[in-house]
Every structure is written in C-alpha cells, then in structure tokens.
Amino acid sequence: MSYFRITLHRSAIGLPKRTRGVLAALGLHRRAQVVFHPVSAQFAGMIMKVKELVRIEEVERPMTKRELHESRRPEPGFWVETPRASSFGMRRVLATGQQQQQQGEGQQEGVRL
C-alpha cells in the first residue's frame, strides 16, 4: 500500500477559511510539517484543493518521527579517516624524544624553534 507524503510548503495566513479548513483536515498546521495519508480519492481531492501550498511525494510506507528527523539532518562536512591516537602520531612523539636525547649529549646543531 502506498502513501502520500504531504509537506506544507506555504503558509495559510490570509487565505480563505475554507482553504485553512482543508489544511486542518489533512492535519497540517505549521510550515514544513509532514503528514502521511494513504493514497485514496478522498485525500487526492483534498490535495488538489491546496496544491499550491503543499509538496507531495508518493512513498511505500510512512516514516516515524525519528526517521523524518534523521532525513533532515545535513551531511557533517567532514570524515574521520583515522582515530586521533594513531600509530603515526606515536612514532612521531618517540622520534622527537630521541632527537632531544641526542641534542642533550652535546649535539646542539640546527635551528631551534
């Protein structure tokens, strides 16, 4: 069974009472609110009355609130390729420690930072 995913895209402020009543019958009260209704002639007729205000998708099953929330979450913009305490970082610390020991034995050549 398929469902309509109906999202209120435009506000109903200033529209006739009849149009606001259709939105209320669909269960839409706020912008960006999403409701799911089964595909039927009754809901198709209501959608046609407010077609300029809503966005429609046909989906296989309704989504839970948690799934809707996760679908709106943007990409993080970064990926963690290796953990922070990687073996590369440990080798670097050990190498730095050996260099300091060599400098302490009388080799103080090079540029200090």
PDB file of N, CA and C in Angstrom:
ATOM      1  N   MET A   1       0.849  -1.175   0.000  1.00  0.00           N
ATOM      2  CA  MET A   1       0.000   0.000   0.000  1.00  0.00           C
ATOM      3  C   MET A   1       0.897   1.242   0.000  1.00  0.00           C
ATOM      4  N   SER A   2       0.595   2.184  -0.834  1.00  0.00           N
ATOM      5  CA  SER A   2       1.414   3.393  -0.902  1.00  0.00           C
ATOM      6  C   SER A   2       0.721   4.541  -0.161  1.00  0.00           C
ATOM      7  N   TYR A   3       1.538   5.528   0.175  1.00  0.00           N
ATOM      8  CA  TYR A   3       1.067   6.664   0.961  1.00  0.00           C
ATOM      9  C   TYR A   3       1.482   7.961   0.289  1.00  0.00           C
ATOM     10  N   PHE A   4       0.716   9.019   0.569  1.00  0.00           N
ATOM     11  CA  PHE A   4       1.111  10.367   0.185  1.00  0.00           C
ATOM     12  C   PHE A   4       1.942  10.935   1.325  1.00  0.00           C
ATOM     13  N   ARG A   5       3.098  11.466   1.000  1.00  0.00           N
ATOM     14  CA  ARG A   5       3.868  12.243   1.976  1.00  0.00           C
ATOM     15  C   ARG A   5       3.575  13.701   1.641  1.00  0.00           C
ATOM     16  N   ILE A   6       2.843  14.374   2.512  1.00  0.00           N
ATOM     17  CA  ILE A   6       2.377  15.736   2.258  1.00  0.00           C
ATOM     18  C   ILE A   6       3.144  16.687   3.175  1.00  0.00           C
ATOM     19  N   THR A   7       3.790  17.683   2.581  1.00  0.00           N
ATOM     20  CA  THR A   7       4.550  18.680   3.328  1.00  0.00           C
ATOM     21  C   THR A   7       3.947  20.050   3.061  1.00  0.00           C
ATOM     22  N   LEU A   8       3.628  20.777   4.120  1.00  0.00           N
ATOM     23  CA  LEU A   8       3.107  22.138   3.963  1.00  0.00           C
ATOM     24  C   LEU A   8       4.269  23.056   3.609  1.00  0.00           C
ATOM     25  N   HIS A   9       4.241  23.581   2.400  1.00  0.00           N
ATOM     26  CA  HIS A   9       5.341  24.397   1.889  1.00  0.00           C
ATOM     27  C   HIS A   9       5.072  25.890   2.071  1.00  0.00           C
ATOM     28  N   ARG A  10       3.835  26.313   1.898  1.00  0.00           N
ATOM     29  CA  ARG A  10       3.465  27.727   2.026  1.00  0.00           C
ATOM     30  C   ARG A  10       2.496  27.888   3.193  1.00  0.00           C
ATOM     31  N   SER A  11       2.539  29.016   3.833  1.00  0.00           N
ATOM     32  CA  SER A  11       1.671  29.294   4.968  1.00  0.00           C
ATOM     33  C   SER A  11       0.237  29.559   4.507  1.00  0.00           C
ATOM     34  N   ALA A  12      -0.707  29.331   5.410  1.00  0.00           N
ATOM     35  CA  ALA A  12      -2.120  29.558   5.107  1.00  0.00           C
ATOM     36  C   ALA A  12      -2.602  30.906   5.630  1.00  0.00           C
ATOM     37  N   ILE A  13      -1.692  31.756   6.076  1.00  0.00           N
ATOM     38  CA  ILE A  13      -2.076  33.071   6.601  1.00  0.00           C
ATOM     39  C   ILE A  13      -2.702  33.897   5.481  1.00  0.00           C
ATOM     40  N   GLY A  14      -3.857  34.466   5.758  1.00  0.00           N
ATOM     41  CA  GLY A  14      -4.532  35.329   4.796  1.00  0.00           C
ATOM     42  C   GLY A  14      -5.350  34.592   3.758  1.00  0.00           C
ATOM     43  N   LEU A  15      -5.415  33.294   3.831  1.00  0.00           N
ATOM     44  CA  LEU A  15      -6.197  32.522   2.865  1.00  0.00           C
ATOM     45  C   LEU A  15      -7.620  32.341   3.384  1.00  0.00           C
ATOM     46  N   PRO A  16      -8.556  32.006   2.507  1.00  0.00           N
ATOM     47  CA  PRO A  16      -9.944  31.817   2.939  1.00  0.00           C
ATOM     48  C   PRO A  16     -10.075  30.706   3.985  1.00  0.00           C
ATOM     49  N   LYS A  17     -11.124  30.820   4.762  1.00  0.00           N
ATOM     50  CA  LYS A  17     -11.373  29.862   5.837  1.00  0.00           C
ATOM     51  C   LYS A  17     -11.526  28.444   5.287  1.00  0.00           C
ATOM     52  N   ARG A  18     -12.096  28.331   4.118  1.00  0.00           N
ATOM     53  CA  ARG A  18     -12.304  27.014   3.508  1.00  0.00           C
ATOM     54  C   ARG A  18     -10.956  26.326   3.212  1.00  0.00           C
ATOM     55  N   THR A  19      -9.997  27.091   2.714  1.00  0.00           N
ATOM     56  CA  THR A  19      -8.669  26.541   2.424  1.00  0.00           C
ATOM     57  C   THR A  19      -7.967  26.129   3.713  1.00  0.00           C
ATOM     58  N   ARG A  20      -8.069  26.962   4.742  1.00  0.00           N
ATOM     59  CA  ARG A  20      -7.466  26.613   6.038  1.00  0.00           C
ATOM     60  C   ARG A  20      -8.117  25.369   6.621  1.00  0.00           C
ATOM     61  N   GLY A  21      -9.425  25.204   6.365  1.00  0.00           N
ATOM     62  CA  GLY A  21     -10.128  24.010   6.834  1.00  0.00           C
ATOM     63  C   GLY A  21      -9.624  22.745   6.155  1.00  0.00           C
ATOM     64  N   VAL A  22      -9.313  22.834   4.863  1.00  0.00           N
ATOM     65  CA  VAL A  22      -8.776  21.670   4.141  1.00  0.00           C
ATOM     66  C   VAL A  22      -7.419  21.285   4.716  1.00  0.00           C
ATOM     67  N   LEU A  23      -6.578  22.293   4.991  1.00  0.00           N
ATOM     68  CA  LEU A  23      -5.267  22.002   5.584  1.00  0.00           C
ATOM     69  C   LEU A  23      -5.421  21.368   6.963  1.00  0.00           C
ATOM     70  N   ALA A  24      -6.386  21.858   7.738  1.00  0.00           N
ATOM     71  CA  ALA A  24      -6.627  21.278   9.061  1.00  0.00           C
ATOM     72  C   ALA A  24      -7.123  19.841   8.933  1.00  0.00           C
ATOM     73  N   ALA A  25      -7.954  19.569   7.930  1.00  0.00           N
ATOM     74  CA  ALA A  25      -8.450  18.208   7.718  1.00  0.00           C
ATOM     75  C   ALA A  25      -7.311  17.267   7.314  1.00  0.00           C
ATOM     76  N   LEU A  26      -6.325  17.803   6.608  1.00  0.00           N
ATOM     77  CA  LEU A  26      -5.153  16.993   6.258  1.00  0.00           C
ATOM     78  C   LEU A  26      -4.204  16.827   7.439  1.00  0.00           C
ATOM     79  N   GLY A  27      -4.378  17.646   8.476  1.00  0.00           N
ATOM     80  CA  GLY A  27      -3.516  17.561   9.649  1.00  0.00           C
ATOM     81  C   GLY A  27      -2.291  18.443   9.553  1.00  0.00           C
ATOM     82  N   LEU A  28      -2.356  19.456   8.692  1.00  0.00           N
ATOM     83  CA  LEU A  28      -1.220  20.362   8.507  1.00  0.00           C
ATOM     84  C   LEU A  28      -1.499  21.686   9.205  1.00  0.00           C
ATOM     85  N   HIS A  29      -0.632  22.071  10.121  1.00  0.00           N
ATOM     86  CA  HIS A  29      -0.826  23.294  10.888  1.00  0.00           C
ATOM     87  C   HIS A  29       0.357  24.250  10.763  1.00  0.00           C
ATOM     88  N   ARG A  30       1.570  23.736  10.576  1.00  0.00           N
ATOM     89  CA  ARG A  30       2.775  24.560  10.514  1.00  0.00           C
ATOM     90  C   ARG A  30       3.506  24.335   9.202  1.00  0.00           C
ATOM     91  N   ARG A  31       4.260  25.335   8.781  1.00  0.00           N
ATOM     92  CA  ARG A  31       5.098  25.173   7.597  1.00  0.00           C
ATOM     93  C   ARG A  31       6.124  24.082   7.859  1.00  0.00           C
ATOM     94  N   ALA A  32       6.469  23.353   6.831  1.00  0.00           N
ATOM     95  CA  ALA A  32       7.453  22.264   6.861  1.00  0.00           C
ATOM     96  C   ALA A  32       6.964  21.060   7.665  1.00  0.00           C
ATOM     97  N   GLN A  33       5.707  21.046   8.060  1.00  0.00           N
ATOM     98  CA  GLN A  33       5.150  19.887   8.754  1.00  0.00           C
ATOM     99  C   GLN A  33       4.859  18.803   7.724  1.00  0.00           C
ATOM    100  N   VAL A  34       5.133  17.556   8.096  1.00  0.00           N
ATOM    101  CA  VAL A  34       4.947  16.426   7.187  1.00  0.00           C
ATOM    102  C   VAL A  34       3.911  15.486   7.778  1.00  0.00           C
ATOM    103  N   VAL A  35       2.949  15.063   6.940  1.00  0.00           N
ATOM    104  CA  VAL A  35       1.971  14.050   7.341  1.00  0.00           C
ATOM    105  C   VAL A  35       1.909  12.986   6.253  1.00  0.00           C
ATOM    106  N   PHE A  36       1.475  11.807   6.641  1.00  0.00           N
ATOM    107  CA  PHE A  36       1.324  10.692   5.712  1.00  0.00           C
ATOM    108  C   PHE A  36      -0.131  10.258   5.709  1.00  0.00           C
ATOM    109  N   HIS A  37      -0.684  10.094   4.502  1.00  0.00           N
ATOM    110  CA  HIS A  37      -2.052   9.610   4.339  1.00  0.00           C
ATOM    111  C   HIS A  37      -2.052   8.547   3.248  1.00  0.00           C
ATOM    112  N   PRO A  38      -2.904   7.528   3.377  1.00  0.00           N
ATOM    113  CA  PRO A  38      -2.966   6.509   2.325  1.00  0.00           C
ATOM    114  C   PRO A  38      -3.489   7.101   1.015  1.00  0.00           C
ATOM    115  N   VAL A  39      -3.037   6.536  -0.071  1.00  0.00           N
ATOM    116  CA  VAL A  39      -3.479   7.002  -1.388  1.00  0.00           C
ATOM    117  C   VAL A  39      -4.945   6.620  -1.563  1.00  0.00           C
ATOM    118  N   SER A  40      -5.793   7.630  -1.712  1.00  0.00           N
ATOM    119  CA  SER A  40      -7.223   7.405  -1.942  1.00  0.00           C
ATOM    120  C   SER A  40      -7.791   8.627  -2.654  1.00  0.00           C
ATOM    121  N   ALA A  41      -8.977   8.472  -3.206  1.00  0.00           N
ATOM    122  CA  ALA A  41      -9.617   9.568  -3.926  1.00  0.00           C
ATOM    123  C   ALA A  41      -9.954  10.722  -2.985  1.00  0.00           C
ATOM    124  N   GLN A  42     -10.323  10.397  -1.756  1.00  0.00           N
ATOM    125  CA  GLN A  42     -10.673  11.428  -0.779  1.00  0.00           C
ATOM    126  C   GLN A  42      -9.483  12.349  -0.511  1.00  0.00           C
ATOM    127  N   PHE A  43      -8.321  11.764  -0.232  1.00  0.00           N
ATOM    128  CA  PHE A  43      -7.140  12.582   0.052  1.00  0.00           C
ATOM    129  C   PHE A  43      -6.624  13.268  -1.210  1.00  0.00           C
ATOM    130  N   ALA A  44      -6.767  12.629  -2.354  1.00  0.00           N
ATOM    131  CA  ALA A  44      -6.351  13.260  -3.611  1.00  0.00           C
ATOM    132  C   ALA A  44      -7.179  14.516  -3.877  1.00  0.00           C
ATOM    133  N   GLY A  45      -8.469  14.471  -3.572  1.00  0.00           N
ATOM    134  CA  GLY A  45      -9.328  15.644  -3.746  1.00  0.00           C
ATOM    135  C   GLY A  45      -8.928  16.782  -2.821  1.00  0.00           C
ATOM    136  N   MET A  46      -8.615  16.452  -1.560  1.00  0.00           N
ATOM    137  CA  MET A  46      -8.183  17.491  -0.622  1.00  0.00           C
ATOM    138  C   MET A  46      -6.849  18.095  -1.053  1.00  0.00           C
ATOM    139  N   ILE A  47      -5.967  17.255  -1.553  1.00  0.00           N
ATOM    140  CA  ILE A  47      -4.662  17.751  -2.009  1.00  0.00           C
ATOM    141  C   ILE A  47      -4.840  18.697  -3.190  1.00  0.00           C
ATOM    142  N   MET A  48      -5.759  18.377  -4.088  1.00  0.00           N
ATOM    143  CA  MET A  48      -5.994  19.240  -5.249  1.00  0.00           C
ATOM    144  C   MET A  48      -6.511  20.622  -4.835  1.00  0.00           C
ATOM    145  N   LYS A  49      -7.241  20.697  -3.722  1.00  0.00           N
ATOM    146  CA  LYS A  49      -7.752  21.987  -3.243  1.00  0.00           C
ATOM    147  C   LYS A  49      -6.620  22.908  -2.769  1.00  0.00           C
ATOM    148  N   VAL A  50      -5.525  22.316  -2.285  1.00  0.00           N
ATOM    149  CA  VAL A  50      -4.421  23.112  -1.721  1.00  0.00           C
ATOM    150  C   VAL A  50      -3.100  22.817  -2.433  1.00  0.00           C
ATOM    151  N   LYS A  51      -3.173  22.462  -3.696  1.00  0.00           N
ATOM    152  CA  LYS A  51      -1.981  22.020  -4.434  1.00  0.00           C
ATOM    153  C   LYS A  51      -0.889  23.086  -4.511  1.00  0.00           C
ATOM    154  N   GLU A  52      -1.247  24.365  -4.405  1.00  0.00           N
ATOM    155  CA  GLU A  52      -0.251  25.430  -4.466  1.00  0.00           C
ATOM    156  C   GLU A  52       0.506  25.591  -3.154  1.00  0.00           C
ATOM    157  N   LEU A  53      -0.010  25.006  -2.093  1.00  0.00           N
ATOM    158  CA  LEU A  53       0.573  25.198  -0.766  1.00  0.00           C
ATOM    159  C   LEU A  53       1.401  24.017  -0.286  1.00  0.00           C
ATOM    160  N   VAL A  54       1.251  22.867  -0.912  1.00  0.00           N
ATOM    161  CA  VAL A  54       1.883  21.646  -0.404  1.00  0.00           C
ATOM    162  C   VAL A  54       2.801  21.025  -1.449  1.00  0.00           C
ATOM    163  N   ARG A  55       3.685  20.173  -0.955  1.00  0.00           N
ATOM    164  CA  ARG A  55       4.515  19.336  -1.825  1.00  0.00           C
ATOM    165  C   ARG A  55       4.131  17.890  -1.547  1.00  0.00           C
ATOM    166  N   ILE A  56       4.022  17.111  -2.612  1.00  0.00           N
ATOM    167  CA  ILE A  56       3.534  15.740  -2.496  1.00  0.00           C
ATOM    168  C   ILE A  56       4.583  14.778  -3.023  1.00  0.00           C
ATOM    169  N   GLU A  57       4.759  13.675  -2.301  1.00  0.00           N
ATOM    170  CA  GLU A  57       5.572  12.553  -2.760  1.00  0.00           C
ATOM    171  C   GLU A  57       4.775  11.288  -2.483  1.00  0.00           C
ATOM    172  N   GLU A  58       4.957  10.292  -3.301  1.00  0.00           N
ATOM    173  CA  GLU A  58       4.328   9.003  -3.048  1.00  0.00           C
ATOM    174  C   GLU A  58       5.403   8.070  -2.508  1.00  0.00           C
ATOM    175  N   VAL A  59       5.158   7.501  -1.324  1.00  0.00           N
ATOM    176  CA  VAL A  59       6.132   6.634  -0.661  1.00  0.00           C
ATOM    177  C   VAL A  59       5.488   5.289  -0.355  1.00  0.00           C
ATOM    178  N   GLU A  60       6.324   4.303  -0.113  1.00  0.00           N
ATOM    179  CA  GLU A  60       5.830   2.951   0.171  1.00  0.00           C
ATOM    180  C   GLU A  60       5.287   2.796   1.586  1.00  0.00           C
ATOM    181  N   ARG A  61       5.908   3.485   2.538  1.00  0.00           N
ATOM    182  CA  ARG A  61       5.467   3.369   3.930  1.00  0.00           C
ATOM    183  C   ARG A  61       5.659   4.702   4.634  1.00  0.00           C
ATOM    184  N   PRO A  62       4.846   4.984   5.647  1.00  0.00           N
ATOM    185  CA  PRO A  62       5.041   6.230   6.392  1.00  0.00           C
ATOM    186  C   PRO A  62       6.305   6.156   7.243  1.00  0.00           C
ATOM    187  N   MET A  63       6.933   7.290   7.447  1.00  0.00           N
ATOM    188  CA  MET A  63       8.151   7.358   8.251  1.00  0.00           C
ATOM    189  C   MET A  63       7.795   7.741   9.682  1.00  0.00           C
ATOM    190  N   THR A  64       8.598   7.273  10.620  1.00  0.00           N
ATOM    191  CA  THR A  64       8.412   7.665  12.014  1.00  0.00           C
ATOM    192  C   THR A  64       8.984   9.062  12.218  1.00  0.00           C
ATOM    193  N   LYS A  65       8.697   9.660  13.370  1.00  0.00           N
ATOM    194  CA  LYS A  65       9.234  10.986  13.666  1.00  0.00           C
ATOM    195  C   LYS A  65      10.756  10.970  13.675  1.00  0.00           C
ATOM    196  N   ARG A  66      11.320   9.918  14.208  1.00  0.00           N
ATOM    197  CA  ARG A  66      12.787   9.805  14.272  1.00  0.00           C
ATOM    198  C   ARG A  66      13.383   9.718  12.865  1.00  0.00           C
ATOM    199  N   GLU A  67      12.757   8.938  11.992  1.00  0.00           N
ATOM    200  CA  GLU A  67      13.245   8.820  10.615  1.00  0.00           C
ATOM    201  C   GLU A  67      13.142  10.152   9.878  1.00  0.00           C
ATOM    202  N   LEU A  68      12.057  10.895  10.110  1.00  0.00           N
ATOM    203  CA  LEU A  68      11.913  12.215   9.498  1.00  0.00           C
ATOM    204  C   LEU A  68      13.015  13.153   9.976  1.00  0.00           C
ATOM    205  N   HIS A  69      13.292  13.115  11.262  1.00  0.00           N
ATOM    206  CA  HIS A  69      14.336  13.967  11.831  1.00  0.00           C
ATOM    207  C   HIS A  69      15.702  13.625  11.233  1.00  0.00           C
ATOM    208  N   GLU A  70      15.998  12.342  11.113  1.00  0.00           N
ATOM    209  CA  GLU A  70      17.277  11.914  10.540  1.00  0.00           C
ATOM    210  C   GLU A  70      17.384  12.282   9.066  1.00  0.00           C
ATOM    211  N   SER A  71      16.272  12.255   8.341  1.00  0.00           N
ATOM    212  CA  SER A  71      16.326  12.584   6.913  1.00  0.00           C
ATOM    213  C   SER A  71      16.606  14.064   6.684  1.00  0.00           C
ATOM    214  N   ARG A  72      16.297  14.919   7.646  1.00  0.00           N
ATOM    215  CA  ARG A  72      16.546  16.357   7.518  1.00  0.00           C
ATOM    216  C   ARG A  72      17.957  16.748   7.928  1.00  0.00           C
ATOM    217  N   ARG A  73      18.654  15.862   8.619  1.00  0.00           N
ATOM    218  CA  ARG A  73      19.994  16.182   9.118  1.00  0.00           C
ATOM    219  C   ARG A  73      20.968  16.324   7.952  1.00  0.00           C
ATOM    220  N   PRO A  74      21.720  17.421   7.895  1.00  0.00           N
ATOM    221  CA  PRO A  74      22.664  17.601   6.785  1.00  0.00           C
ATOM    222  C   PRO A  74      23.897  16.727   6.949  1.00  0.00           C
ATOM    223  N   GLU A  75      24.666  16.619   5.888  1.00  0.00           N
ATOM    224  CA  GLU A  75      25.936  15.905   5.941  1.00  0.00           C
ATOM    225  C   GLU A  75      26.861  16.636   6.913  1.00  0.00           C
ATOM    226  N   PRO A  76      27.723  15.920   7.629  1.00  0.00           N
ATOM    227  CA  PRO A  76      28.569  16.587   8.616  1.00  0.00           C
ATOM    228  C   PRO A  76      29.620  17.515   8.006  1.00  0.00           C
ATOM    229  N   GLY A  77      30.022  17.294   6.750  1.00  0.00           N
ATOM    230  CA  GLY A  77      31.017  18.152   6.129  1.00  0.00           C
ATOM    231  C   GLY A  77      32.436  17.678   6.332  1.00  0.00           C
ATOM    232  N   PHE A  78      32.631  16.609   7.106  1.00  0.00           N
ATOM    233  CA  PHE A  78      33.967  16.072   7.318  1.00  0.00           C
ATOM    234  C   PHE A  78      33.857  14.586   7.625  1.00  0.00           C
ATOM    235  N   TRP A  79      34.953  13.867   7.470  1.00  0.00           N
ATOM    236  CA  TRP A  79      35.006  12.448   7.785  1.00  0.00           C
ATOM    237  C   TRP A  79      36.248  12.186   8.612  1.00  0.00           C
ATOM    238  N   VAL A  80      36.148  11.314   9.602  1.00  0.00           N
ATOM    239  CA  VAL A  80      37.291  10.918  10.403  1.00  0.00           C
ATOM    240  C   VAL A  80      37.908   9.713   9.712  1.00  0.00           C
ATOM    241  N   GLU A  81      39.100   9.897   9.148  1.00  0.00           N
ATOM    242  CA  GLU A  81      39.750   8.812   8.419  1.00  0.00           C
ATOM    243  C   GLU A  81      40.476   7.866   9.359  1.00  0.00           C
ATOM    244  N   THR A  82      41.157   8.403  10.359  1.00  0.00           N
ATOM    245  CA  THR A  82      41.846   7.568  11.349  1.00  0.00           C
ATOM    246  C   THR A  82      41.566   8.147  12.726  1.00  0.00           C
ATOM    247  N   PRO A  83      41.595   7.319  13.739  1.00  0.00           N
ATOM    248  CA  PRO A  83      41.405   7.841  15.090  1.00  0.00           C
ATOM    249  C   PRO A  83      42.541   8.788  15.471  1.00  0.00           C
ATOM    250  N   ARG A  84      42.316   9.627  16.437  1.00  0.00           N
ATOM    251  CA  ARG A  84      43.305  10.630  16.824  1.00  0.00           C
ATOM    252  C   ARG A  84      44.588   9.997  17.350  1.00  0.00           C
ATOM    253  N   ALA A  85      44.504   8.980  18.160  1.00  0.00           N
ATOM    254  CA  ALA A  85      45.690   8.312  18.703  1.00  0.00           C
ATOM    255  C   ALA A  85      46.136   7.229  17.732  1.00  0.00           C
ATOM    256  N   SER A  86      46.588   7.652  16.575  1.00  0.00           N
ATOM    257  CA  SER A  86      47.023   6.681  15.574  1.00  0.00           C
ATOM    258  C   SER A  86      48.477   6.310  15.808  1.00  0.00           C
ATOM    259  N   SER A  87      48.920   5.278  15.166  1.00  0.00           N
ATOM    260  CA  SER A  87      50.301   4.838  15.320  1.00  0.00           C
ATOM    261  C   SER A  87      51.265   5.859  14.734  1.00  0.00           C
ATOM    262  N   PHE A  88      50.850   6.620  13.735  1.00  0.00           N
ATOM    263  CA  PHE A  88      51.711   7.645  13.145  1.00  0.00           C
ATOM    264  C   PHE A  88      52.076   8.697  14.193  1.00  0.00           C
ATOM    265  N   GLY A  89      51.107   9.152  14.945  1.00  0.00           N
ATOM    266  CA  GLY A  89      51.352  10.160  15.967  1.00  0.00           C
ATOM    267  C   GLY A  89      52.270   9.650  17.058  1.00  0.00           C
ATOM    268  N   MET A  90      52.146   8.381  17.423  1.00  0.00           N
ATOM    269  CA  MET A  90      53.001   7.806  18.457  1.00  0.00           C
ATOM    270  C   MET A  90      54.444   7.730  17.978  1.00  0.00           C
ATOM    271  N   ARG A  91      54.670   7.325  16.737  1.00  0.00           N
ATOM    272  CA  ARG A  91      56.034   7.252  16.201  1.00  0.00           C
ATOM    273  C   ARG A  91      56.671   8.633  16.176  1.00  0.00           C
ATOM    274  N   ARG A  92      55.905   9.623  15.875  1.00  0.00           N
ATOM    275  CA  ARG A  92      56.437  10.976  15.793  1.00  0.00           C
ATOM    276  C   ARG A  92      56.887  11.453  17.171  1.00  0.00           C
ATOM    277  N   VAL A  93      56.106  11.142  18.192  1.00  0.00           N
ATOM    278  CA  VAL A  93      56.476  11.537  19.549  1.00  0.00           C
ATOM    279  C   VAL A  93      57.754  10.823  19.963  1.00  0.00           C
ATOM    280  N   LEU A  94      57.875   9.541  19.654  1.00  0.00           N
ATOM    281  CA  LEU A  94      59.080   8.795  20.010  1.00  0.00           C
ATOM    282  C   LEU A  94      60.298   9.351  19.285  1.00  0.00           C
ATOM    283  N   ALA A  95      60.148   9.681  18.023  1.00  0.00           N
ATOM    284  CA  ALA A  95      61.267  10.229  17.257  1.00  0.00           C
ATOM    285  C   ALA A  95      61.699  11.569  17.843  1.00  0.00           C
ATOM    286  N   THR A  96      60.768  12.371  18.271  1.00  0.00           N
ATOM    287  CA  THR A  96      61.103  13.661  18.861  1.00  0.00           C
ATOM    288  C   THR A  96      61.857  13.460  20.168  1.00  0.00           C
ATOM    289  N   GLY A  97      61.449  12.486  20.950  1.00  0.00           N
ATOM    290  CA  GLY A  97      62.144  12.187  22.202  1.00  0.00           C
ATOM    291  C   GLY A  97      63.577  11.750  21.966  1.00  0.00           C
ATOM    292  N   GLN A  98      63.852  10.951  20.951  1.00  0.00           N
ATOM    293  CA  GLN A  98      65.206  10.506  20.633  1.00  0.00           C
ATOM    294  C   GLN A  98      66.059  11.676  20.186  1.00  0.00           C
ATOM    295  N   GLN A  99      65.505  12.585  19.422  1.00  0.00           N
ATOM    296  CA  GLN A  99      66.258  13.748  18.962  1.00  0.00           C
ATOM    297  C   GLN A  99      66.657  14.623  20.141  1.00  0.00           C
ATOM    298  N   GLN A 100      65.775  14.760  21.120  1.00  0.00           N
ATOM    299  CA  GLN A 100      66.102  15.576  22.286  1.00  0.00           C
ATOM    300  C   GLN A 100      67.227  14.942  23.088  1.00  0.00           C
ATOM    301  N   GLN A 101      67.244  13.611  23.190  1.00  0.00           N
ATOM    302  CA  GLN A 101      68.317  12.934  23.909  1.00  0.00           C
ATOM    303  C   GLN A 101      69.650  13.157  23.209  1.00  0.00           C
ATOM    304  N   GLN A 102      69.667  13.074  21.876  1.00  0.00           N
ATOM    305  CA  GLN A 102      70.900  13.283  21.127  1.00  0.00           C
ATOM    306  C   GLN A 102      71.390  14.717  21.292  1.00  0.00           C
ATOM    307  N   GLN A 103      70.512  15.665  21.324  1.00  0.00           N
ATOM    308  CA  GLN A 103      70.912  17.057  21.494  1.00  0.00           C
ATOM    309  C   GLN A 103      71.483  17.283  22.883  1.00  0.00           C
ATOM    310  N   GLY A 104      70.974  16.577  23.873  1.00  0.00           N
ATOM    311  CA  GLY A 104      71.460  16.710  25.235  1.00  0.00           C
ATOM    312  C   GLY A 104      72.863  16.148  25.407  1.00  0.00           C
ATOM    313  N   GLU A 105      73.328  15.279  24.524  1.00  0.00           N
ATOM    314  CA  GLU A 105      74.643  14.657  24.622  1.00  0.00           C
ATOM    315  C   GLU A 105      75.732  15.524  24.003  1.00  0.00           C
ATOM    316  N   GLY A 106      75.426  16.713  23.586  1.00  0.00           N
ATOM    317  CA  GLY A 106      76.468  17.562  23.040  1.00  0.00           C
ATOM    318  C   GLY A 106      76.217  17.977  21.608  1.00  0.00           C
ATOM    319  N   GLN A 107      75.252  17.444  20.955  1.00  0.00           N
ATOM    320  CA  GLN A 107      74.955  17.833  19.578  1.00  0.00           C
ATOM    321  C   GLN A 107      73.862  18.889  19.611  1.00  0.00           C
ATOM    322  N   GLN A 108      74.238  20.120  19.597  1.00  0.00           N
ATOM    323  CA  GLN A 108      73.255  21.191  19.629  1.00  0.00           C
ATOM    324  C   GLN A 108      73.300  21.965  18.331  1.00  0.00           C
ATOM    325  N   GLU A 109      73.385  21.258  17.236  1.00  0.00           N
ATOM    326  CA  GLU A 109      73.399  21.892  15.930  1.00  0.00           C
ATOM    327  C   GLU A 109      71.969  22.029  15.426  1.00  0.00           C
ATOM    328  N   GLY A 110      71.810  22.891  14.473  1.00  0.00           N
ATOM    329  CA  GLY A 110      70.499  23.047  13.858  1.00  0.00           C
ATOM    330  C   GLY A 110      69.796  24.296  14.343  1.00  0.00           C
ATOM    331  N   VAL A 111      68.618  24.466  13.880  1.00  0.00           N
ATOM    332  CA  VAL A 111      67.838  25.667  14.188  1.00  0.00           C
ATOM    333  C   VAL A 111      66.841  25.332  15.277  1.00  0.00           C
ATOM    334  N   ARG A 112      66.803  26.165  16.278  1.00  0.00           N
ATOM    335  CA  ARG A 112      65.821  25.978  17.350  1.00  0.00           C
ATOM    336  C   ARG A 112      64.538  26.710  16.978  1.00  0.00           C
ATOM    337  N   LEU A 113      63.447  26.092  17.292  1.00  0.00           N
ATOM    338  CA  LEU A 113      62.152  26.721  17.011  1.00  0.00           C
ATOM    339  C   LEU A 113      61.548  27.272  18.270  1.00  0.00           C
TER     340      LEU A 113
END
